[in-house]
Amino acid sequence: MGDRCENNETICLQFEDVVFRNKYVRSYINDATAEFFKNHLNHQDPLALCSLIHILHQVNRGEGSVSVGNYLNLVNDCEDALQQYNHEVYTPLSVSTISRFIQKKDFDLIHTLINIKRTYGFKFILCSDAPLAYCVAVFKAMHVSLFDLFDFRHMYTSDLVRCLKSNIRFFEYIEEELHNSIRPLQFIGDDFSGLSTNHHLDENHWNVSSLTSPEEIYAYLLDKGTKGIR
C-alpha cells in the first residue's frame, strides 16, 4: 500500500484487543492480575472476597483478558491502587521480555494497521487499560515506533487518564478532547470496553464497532477508508 492520506478520519483503537493480541503476554497479565488481588484485596470484606473468587475463576477458565476496573473500584483510593496495579503487573514486561513472546502474526497485524493508516489517512488514537510505557515497550520489541501508528498528540492510557475503560470518566476524558459536532467518535474494541453498554454517554457522540478478529478489523477499515476517499 502506498501513501495517499486523503481521509483524515479519527478512530480510537483499543490496544488490548485490536493492536496487540499476543496470547502469551495476555496469559502473563491474567496471572499477574490474579496475584495482585491475592496480595492486596482485604479478604475479610465479603464483597472483595467474592470479586477475588470471580476474577480467579475467569483466569482459570482462560476467558481472555481480565477487566480489572470493577475490582479496583473496591479499593479505597482507586488512583493509588491503579498506579500500584500498573507498576506490579506491567513493569516486569520489559522490551526484552516481550520480545521473547512476539509472533509473526503480531508483526503482521501492526504493520498492516500502519499501512492502512498511511494509505487512507486515518488518525488512530491509542486507548488502553495498560500504562503508556507498556504500549511503547510492545512497539519497541517489534522495532517499530508507537507513533508510526498512533497520533502522539492524543494518548489515552490508564496511567494518563488515571482510570480504566470500565469507568465513564475514561470516555468523558476522550470526548472533551476529541468530540466535534460533525461526526461521532469512532471506537474499535471488544464488547467488554464498557462503552457500548454505558447509557450515561450520549450515543450520538460515539460509533462503537466490536470486532473480534484481525480480518474483520481490516475489512472494516478498508471499507471505511475506500468510502472516505473523495
C-alpha atoms as a PDB file:
ATOM      1  CA  MET A   1       0.000   0.000   0.000  1.00  0.00           C
ATOM      2  CA  GLY A   2       1.285   3.464  -0.812  1.00  0.00           C
ATOM      3  CA  ASP A   3       0.762   6.766   0.985  1.00  0.00           C
ATOM      4  CA  ARG A   4      -2.363   8.727  -0.015  1.00  0.00           C
ATOM      5  CA  CYS A   5      -3.623  10.371   3.213  1.00  0.00           C
ATOM      6  CA  GLU A   6      -6.960  11.559   1.802  1.00  0.00           C
ATOM      7  CA  ASN A   7      -9.402  10.508   4.541  1.00  0.00           C
ATOM      8  CA  ASN A   8      -8.175  12.021   7.839  1.00  0.00           C
ATOM      9  CA  GLU A   9     -10.830  10.301   9.988  1.00  0.00           C
ATOM     10  CA  THR A  10     -10.168   9.873  13.701  1.00  0.00           C
ATOM     11  CA  ILE A  11     -10.569   6.313  15.064  1.00  0.00           C
ATOM     12  CA  CYS A  12      -9.900   5.173  18.630  1.00  0.00           C
ATOM     13  CA  LEU A  13      -8.307   1.714  18.766  1.00  0.00           C
ATOM     14  CA  GLN A  14      -8.438  -0.443  21.881  1.00  0.00           C
ATOM     15  CA  PHE A  15      -4.848  -1.580  22.286  1.00  0.00           C
ATOM     16  CA  GLU A  16      -5.517  -4.885  24.064  1.00  0.00           C
ATOM     17  CA  ASP A  17      -7.890  -6.410  21.533  1.00  0.00           C
ATOM     18  CA  VAL A  18      -7.167  -4.622  18.270  1.00  0.00           C
ATOM     19  CA  VAL A  19      -3.457  -3.805  18.132  1.00  0.00           C
ATOM     20  CA  PHE A  20      -1.641  -6.397  20.260  1.00  0.00           C
ATOM     21  CA  ARG A  21      -3.331  -9.753  20.859  1.00  0.00           C
ATOM     22  CA  ASN A  22      -0.430 -11.986  21.921  1.00  0.00           C
ATOM     23  CA  LYS A  23      -1.832 -14.884  23.970  1.00  0.00           C
ATOM     24  CA  TYR A  24       1.375 -15.447  25.950  1.00  0.00           C
ATOM     25  CA  VAL A  25       1.613 -11.847  27.150  1.00  0.00           C
ATOM     26  CA  ARG A  26      -2.107 -11.850  27.885  1.00  0.00           C
ATOM     27  CA  SER A  27      -1.715 -15.002  29.955  1.00  0.00           C
ATOM     28  CA  TYR A  28       1.052 -13.347  31.963  1.00  0.00           C
ATOM     29  CA  ILE A  29      -1.142 -10.276  32.592  1.00  0.00           C
ATOM     30  CA  ASN A  30      -4.017 -12.505  33.722  1.00  0.00           C
ATOM     31  CA  ASP A  31      -1.779 -14.386  36.148  1.00  0.00           C
ATOM     32  CA  ALA A  32      -0.178 -11.196  37.463  1.00  0.00           C
ATOM     33  CA  THR A  33      -3.631  -9.651  37.908  1.00  0.00           C
ATOM     34  CA  ALA A  34      -4.799 -12.621  39.976  1.00  0.00           C
ATOM     35  CA  GLU A  35      -1.645 -12.367  42.091  1.00  0.00           C
ATOM     36  CA  PHE A  36      -2.224  -8.655  42.628  1.00  0.00           C
ATOM     37  CA  PHE A  37      -5.674  -9.277  44.073  1.00  0.00           C
ATOM     38  CA  LYS A  38      -4.428 -12.158  46.180  1.00  0.00           C
ATOM     39  CA  ASN A  39      -1.897  -9.834  47.752  1.00  0.00           C
ATOM     40  CA  HIS A  40      -3.900  -6.631  48.106  1.00  0.00           C
ATOM     41  CA  LEU A  41      -7.622  -7.191  48.500  1.00  0.00           C
ATOM     42  CA  ASN A  42      -8.973  -7.289  52.019  1.00  0.00           C
ATOM     43  CA  HIS A  43     -10.059 -10.913  52.367  1.00  0.00           C
ATOM     44  CA  GLN A  44     -12.212 -10.033  55.363  1.00  0.00           C
ATOM     45  CA  ASP A  45     -14.512  -7.971  53.151  1.00  0.00           C
ATOM     46  CA  PRO A  46     -17.172 -10.325  51.698  1.00  0.00           C
ATOM     47  CA  LEU A  47     -17.625  -8.149  48.602  1.00  0.00           C
ATOM     48  CA  ALA A  48     -13.875  -8.073  47.935  1.00  0.00           C
ATOM     49  CA  LEU A  49     -13.601 -11.799  48.517  1.00  0.00           C
ATOM     50  CA  CYS A  50     -16.431 -12.512  46.053  1.00  0.00           C
ATOM     51  CA  SER A  51     -14.689 -10.335  43.490  1.00  0.00           C
ATOM     52  CA  LEU A  52     -11.423 -12.193  44.009  1.00  0.00           C
ATOM     53  CA  ILE A  53     -13.123 -15.551  43.562  1.00  0.00           C
ATOM     54  CA  HIS A  54     -14.768 -14.293  40.369  1.00  0.00           C
ATOM     55  CA  ILE A  55     -11.558 -12.976  38.839  1.00  0.00           C
ATOM     56  CA  LEU A  56      -9.670 -16.180  39.677  1.00  0.00           C
ATOM     57  CA  HIS A  57     -12.493 -18.150  38.079  1.00  0.00           C
ATOM     58  CA  GLN A  58     -12.132 -16.083  34.893  1.00  0.00           C
ATOM     59  CA  VAL A  59      -8.382 -16.644  34.786  1.00  0.00           C
ATOM     60  CA  ASN A  60      -8.641 -20.378  35.426  1.00  0.00           C
ATOM     61  CA  ARG A  61     -11.213 -20.779  32.662  1.00  0.00           C
ATOM     62  CA  GLY A  62      -8.949 -18.905  30.264  1.00  0.00           C
ATOM     63  CA  GLU A  63     -11.610 -16.392  29.299  1.00  0.00           C
ATOM     64  CA  GLY A  64      -9.161 -13.998  27.707  1.00  0.00           C
ATOM     65  CA  SER A  65      -8.228 -10.594  29.068  1.00  0.00           C
ATOM     66  CA  VAL A  66      -9.464  -9.903  32.580  1.00  0.00           C
ATOM     67  CA  SER A  67     -11.014  -6.474  33.100  1.00  0.00           C
ATOM     68  CA  VAL A  68      -9.873  -5.180  36.483  1.00  0.00           C
ATOM     69  CA  GLY A  69     -11.813  -1.924  36.604  1.00  0.00           C
ATOM     70  CA  ASN A  70     -14.684  -3.207  38.709  1.00  0.00           C
ATOM     71  CA  TYR A  71     -12.294  -4.787  41.189  1.00  0.00           C
ATOM     72  CA  LEU A  72     -10.010  -1.785  41.546  1.00  0.00           C
ATOM     73  CA  ASN A  73     -13.078   0.302  42.381  1.00  0.00           C
ATOM     74  CA  LEU A  74     -13.347  -1.732  45.585  1.00  0.00           C
ATOM     75  CA  VAL A  75     -10.039  -0.296  46.787  1.00  0.00           C
ATOM     76  CA  ASN A  76     -10.422   2.869  48.865  1.00  0.00           C
ATOM     77  CA  ASP A  77      -8.069   5.075  46.844  1.00  0.00           C
ATOM     78  CA  CYS A  78      -8.704   3.984  43.280  1.00  0.00           C
ATOM     79  CA  GLU A  79      -5.999   6.092  41.622  1.00  0.00           C
ATOM     80  CA  ASP A  80      -3.316   4.894  44.031  1.00  0.00           C
ATOM     81  CA  ALA A  81      -4.498   1.305  43.612  1.00  0.00           C
ATOM     82  CA  LEU A  82      -4.422   1.656  39.829  1.00  0.00           C
ATOM     83  CA  GLN A  83      -0.908   3.095  39.934  1.00  0.00           C
ATOM     84  CA  GLN A  84       0.210   0.207  42.117  1.00  0.00           C
ATOM     85  CA  TYR A  85      -1.536  -2.305  39.859  1.00  0.00           C
ATOM     86  CA  ASN A  86       0.172  -0.905  36.760  1.00  0.00           C
ATOM     87  CA  HIS A  87       3.547  -0.997  38.495  1.00  0.00           C
ATOM     88  CA  GLU A  88       3.277  -4.558  39.790  1.00  0.00           C
ATOM     89  CA  VAL A  89       1.691  -6.108  36.696  1.00  0.00           C
ATOM     90  CA  TYR A  90       3.305  -4.248  33.796  1.00  0.00           C
ATOM     91  CA  THR A  91       6.792  -3.251  34.974  1.00  0.00           C
ATOM     92  CA  PRO A  92       8.161  -6.807  34.537  1.00  0.00           C
ATOM     93  CA  LEU A  93       7.039  -6.689  30.886  1.00  0.00           C
ATOM     94  CA  SER A  94      10.208  -5.063  29.588  1.00  0.00           C
ATOM     95  CA  VAL A  95      11.129  -4.811  25.905  1.00  0.00           C
ATOM     96  CA  SER A  96      13.397  -7.853  26.167  1.00  0.00           C
ATOM     97  CA  THR A  97      10.718  -9.880  27.944  1.00  0.00           C
ATOM     98  CA  ILE A  98       8.003  -9.024  25.413  1.00  0.00           C
ATOM     99  CA  SER A  99      10.435  -9.789  22.564  1.00  0.00           C
ATOM    100  CA  ARG A 100      10.554 -13.426  23.637  1.00  0.00           C
ATOM    101  CA  PHE A 101       6.814 -13.803  23.088  1.00  0.00           C
ATOM    102  CA  ILE A 102       6.412 -11.888  19.822  1.00  0.00           C
ATOM    103  CA  GLN A 103       4.987 -13.931  16.940  1.00  0.00           C
ATOM    104  CA  LYS A 104       4.867 -13.277  13.214  1.00  0.00           C
ATOM    105  CA  LYS A 105       1.137 -12.555  13.386  1.00  0.00           C
ATOM    106  CA  ASP A 106       1.867  -9.750  15.879  1.00  0.00           C
ATOM    107  CA  PHE A 107       4.232  -8.127  13.362  1.00  0.00           C
ATOM    108  CA  ASP A 108       1.747  -8.649  10.540  1.00  0.00           C
ATOM    109  CA  LEU A 109      -1.159  -7.099  12.448  1.00  0.00           C
ATOM    110  CA  ILE A 110       0.680  -3.941  13.459  1.00  0.00           C
ATOM    111  CA  HIS A 111       2.348  -3.426  10.071  1.00  0.00           C
ATOM    112  CA  THR A 112      -0.991  -3.934   8.297  1.00  0.00           C
ATOM    113  CA  LEU A 113      -2.628  -1.307  10.523  1.00  0.00           C
ATOM    114  CA  ILE A 114       0.249   1.093   9.821  1.00  0.00           C
ATOM    115  CA  ASN A 115      -0.106   0.536   6.062  1.00  0.00           C
ATOM    116  CA  ILE A 116      -3.884   1.082   6.241  1.00  0.00           C
ATOM    117  CA  LYS A 117      -3.334   4.282   8.192  1.00  0.00           C
ATOM    118  CA  ARG A 118      -0.853   5.595   5.642  1.00  0.00           C
ATOM    119  CA  THR A 119      -2.953   4.574   2.662  1.00  0.00           C
ATOM    120  CA  TYR A 120      -6.243   6.108   3.801  1.00  0.00           C
ATOM    121  CA  GLY A 121      -5.021   8.895   6.073  1.00  0.00           C
ATOM    122  CA  PHE A 122      -6.674   7.683   9.265  1.00  0.00           C
ATOM    123  CA  LYS A 123      -5.751   9.292  12.563  1.00  0.00           C
ATOM    124  CA  PHE A 124      -5.549   6.381  15.008  1.00  0.00           C
ATOM    125  CA  ILE A 125      -5.924   7.157  18.718  1.00  0.00           C
ATOM    126  CA  LEU A 126      -4.441   4.919  21.424  1.00  0.00           C
ATOM    127  CA  CYS A 127      -6.907   3.693  24.096  1.00  0.00           C
ATOM    128  CA  SER A 128      -5.640   1.222  26.674  1.00  0.00           C
ATOM    129  CA  ASP A 129      -6.205  -0.082  30.196  1.00  0.00           C
ATOM    130  CA  ALA A 130      -2.448  -0.643  30.279  1.00  0.00           C
ATOM    131  CA  PRO A 131       0.070   2.120  31.043  1.00  0.00           C
ATOM    132  CA  LEU A 132       1.730   4.010  28.219  1.00  0.00           C
ATOM    133  CA  ALA A 133       5.186   2.561  28.974  1.00  0.00           C
ATOM    134  CA  TYR A 134       3.876  -0.951  28.248  1.00  0.00           C
ATOM    135  CA  CYS A 135       2.396   0.113  24.899  1.00  0.00           C
ATOM    136  CA  VAL A 136       5.713   1.736  23.964  1.00  0.00           C
ATOM    137  CA  ALA A 137       7.581  -1.424  25.013  1.00  0.00           C
ATOM    138  CA  VAL A 138       5.405  -3.600  22.772  1.00  0.00           C
ATOM    139  CA  PHE A 139       6.285  -1.498  19.737  1.00  0.00           C
ATOM    140  CA  LYS A 140       9.970  -1.317  20.671  1.00  0.00           C
ATOM    141  CA  ALA A 141      10.005  -5.107  20.918  1.00  0.00           C
ATOM    142  CA  MET A 142       8.987  -5.144  17.238  1.00  0.00           C
ATOM    143  CA  HIS A 143      11.418  -2.342  16.300  1.00  0.00           C
ATOM    144  CA  VAL A 144       8.565  -0.012  15.395  1.00  0.00           C
ATOM    145  CA  SER A 145       7.715   3.415  16.806  1.00  0.00           C
ATOM    146  CA  LEU A 146       4.384   3.712  18.609  1.00  0.00           C
ATOM    147  CA  PHE A 147       3.887   6.958  16.697  1.00  0.00           C
ATOM    148  CA  ASP A 148       4.064   5.164  13.352  1.00  0.00           C
ATOM    149  CA  LEU A 149       0.533   4.026  14.183  1.00  0.00           C
ATOM    150  CA  PHE A 150      -0.854   6.422  16.792  1.00  0.00           C
ATOM    151  CA  ASP A 151      -1.299  10.184  16.954  1.00  0.00           C
ATOM    152  CA  PHE A 152       1.257  11.411  19.504  1.00  0.00           C
ATOM    153  CA  ARG A 153      -0.949  14.379  20.459  1.00  0.00           C
ATOM    154  CA  HIS A 154      -3.744  12.240  21.945  1.00  0.00           C
ATOM    155  CA  MET A 155      -2.893   9.228  24.094  1.00  0.00           C
ATOM    156  CA  TYR A 156      -5.455   7.631  26.423  1.00  0.00           C
ATOM    157  CA  THR A 157      -3.883   5.063  28.728  1.00  0.00           C
ATOM    158  CA  SER A 158      -4.806   4.167  32.300  1.00  0.00           C
ATOM    159  CA  ASP A 159      -1.845   5.992  33.811  1.00  0.00           C
ATOM    160  CA  LEU A 160      -2.544   9.203  31.868  1.00  0.00           C
ATOM    161  CA  VAL A 161      -6.331   9.253  32.241  1.00  0.00           C
ATOM    162  CA  ARG A 162      -5.996   7.759  35.762  1.00  0.00           C
ATOM    163  CA  CYS A 163      -8.844   5.301  35.375  1.00  0.00           C
ATOM    164  CA  LEU A 164      -9.825   2.310  33.243  1.00  0.00           C
ATOM    165  CA  LYS A 165     -12.299   1.940  30.401  1.00  0.00           C
ATOM    166  CA  SER A 166     -14.948   0.497  32.707  1.00  0.00           C
ATOM    167  CA  ASN A 167     -15.158   3.993  34.218  1.00  0.00           C
ATOM    168  CA  ILE A 168     -17.270   6.586  32.404  1.00  0.00           C
ATOM    169  CA  ARG A 169     -14.584   9.170  33.166  1.00  0.00           C
ATOM    170  CA  PHE A 170     -12.285   7.446  30.657  1.00  0.00           C
ATOM    171  CA  PHE A 171     -14.673   8.179  27.774  1.00  0.00           C
ATOM    172  CA  GLU A 172     -15.674  11.602  29.046  1.00  0.00           C
ATOM    173  CA  TYR A 173     -11.971  12.486  29.003  1.00  0.00           C
ATOM    174  CA  ILE A 174     -11.743  11.468  25.348  1.00  0.00           C
ATOM    175  CA  GLU A 175     -14.966  13.280  24.456  1.00  0.00           C
ATOM    176  CA  GLU A 176     -13.729  16.500  25.993  1.00  0.00           C
ATOM    177  CA  GLU A 177     -10.646  16.488  23.779  1.00  0.00           C
ATOM    178  CA  LEU A 178     -11.829  14.895  20.542  1.00  0.00           C
ATOM    179  CA  HIS A 179     -15.584  15.185  20.055  1.00  0.00           C
ATOM    180  CA  ASN A 180     -16.931  17.567  17.437  1.00  0.00           C
ATOM    181  CA  SER A 181     -20.452  18.160  16.179  1.00  0.00           C
ATOM    182  CA  ILE A 182     -19.750  16.979  12.632  1.00  0.00           C
ATOM    183  CA  ARG A 183     -19.400  13.236  13.207  1.00  0.00           C
ATOM    184  CA  PRO A 184     -19.389  10.778  16.136  1.00  0.00           C
ATOM    185  CA  LEU A 185     -16.161   9.415  17.565  1.00  0.00           C
ATOM    186  CA  GLN A 186     -15.220   6.055  16.092  1.00  0.00           C
ATOM    187  CA  PHE A 187     -14.183   3.363  18.579  1.00  0.00           C
ATOM    188  CA  ILE A 188     -12.981  -0.147  17.681  1.00  0.00           C
ATOM    189  CA  GLY A 189     -12.760  -2.533  20.605  1.00  0.00           C
ATOM    190  CA  ASP A 190     -14.278  -5.586  22.216  1.00  0.00           C
ATOM    191  CA  ASP A 191     -17.665  -5.950  23.905  1.00  0.00           C
ATOM    192  CA  PHE A 192     -16.090  -5.503  27.345  1.00  0.00           C
ATOM    193  CA  SER A 193     -14.870  -1.976  26.739  1.00  0.00           C
ATOM    194  CA  GLY A 194     -17.786  -0.617  28.781  1.00  0.00           C
ATOM    195  CA  LEU A 195     -18.536   1.931  26.084  1.00  0.00           C
ATOM    196  CA  SER A 196     -21.201   0.087  24.108  1.00  0.00           C
ATOM    197  CA  THR A 197     -23.307  -0.510  27.247  1.00  0.00           C
ATOM    198  CA  ASN A 198     -22.733   2.775  29.058  1.00  0.00           C
ATOM    199  CA  HIS A 199     -26.061   4.579  28.865  1.00  0.00           C
ATOM    200  CA  HIS A 200     -24.692   7.690  30.591  1.00  0.00           C
ATOM    201  CA  LEU A 201     -22.816   8.649  27.433  1.00  0.00           C
ATOM    202  CA  ASP A 202     -24.510  10.402  24.522  1.00  0.00           C
ATOM    203  CA  GLU A 203     -24.872   7.700  21.855  1.00  0.00           C
ATOM    204  CA  ASN A 204     -24.728  10.397  19.190  1.00  0.00           C
ATOM    205  CA  HIS A 205     -21.146  11.119  20.226  1.00  0.00           C
ATOM    206  CA  TRP A 206     -19.868   7.558  19.654  1.00  0.00           C
ATOM    207  CA  ASN A 207     -19.870   4.904  16.956  1.00  0.00           C
ATOM    208  CA  VAL A 208     -18.698   1.631  18.526  1.00  0.00           C
ATOM    209  CA  SER A 209     -17.546  -1.342  16.447  1.00  0.00           C
ATOM    210  CA  SER A 210     -16.964  -4.567  18.386  1.00  0.00           C
ATOM    211  CA  LEU A 211     -14.757  -6.638  16.091  1.00  0.00           C
ATOM    212  CA  THR A 212     -13.308  -9.994  17.082  1.00  0.00           C
ATOM    213  CA  SER A 213     -10.633 -10.829  14.500  1.00  0.00           C
ATOM    214  CA  PRO A 214      -7.897  -9.017  12.553  1.00  0.00           C
ATOM    215  CA  GLU A 215      -9.687  -9.921   9.326  1.00  0.00           C
ATOM    216  CA  GLU A 216     -12.846  -8.137  10.488  1.00  0.00           C
ATOM    217  CA  ILE A 217     -10.821  -5.120  11.580  1.00  0.00           C
ATOM    218  CA  TYR A 218      -9.005  -4.917   8.232  1.00  0.00           C
ATOM    219  CA  ALA A 219     -12.254  -5.262   6.264  1.00  0.00           C
ATOM    220  CA  TYR A 220     -13.949  -2.575   8.362  1.00  0.00           C
ATOM    221  CA  LEU A 221     -11.090  -0.115   7.942  1.00  0.00           C
ATOM    222  CA  LEU A 222     -10.640  -0.805   4.233  1.00  0.00           C
ATOM    223  CA  ASP A 223     -14.355  -0.268   3.645  1.00  0.00           C
ATOM    224  CA  LYS A 224     -14.370   2.942   5.661  1.00  0.00           C
ATOM    225  CA  GLY A 225     -11.173   4.145   4.004  1.00  0.00           C
ATOM    226  CA  THR A 226     -12.451   3.476   0.478  1.00  0.00           C
ATOM    227  CA  LYS A 227     -15.734   5.256   1.158  1.00  0.00           C
ATOM    228  CA  GLY A 228     -13.896   8.185   2.714  1.00  0.00           C
ATOM    229  CA  ILE A 229     -11.792   8.878  -0.389  1.00  0.00           C
ATOM    230  CA  ARG A 230     -13.341  11.607  -2.448  1.00  0.00           C
END
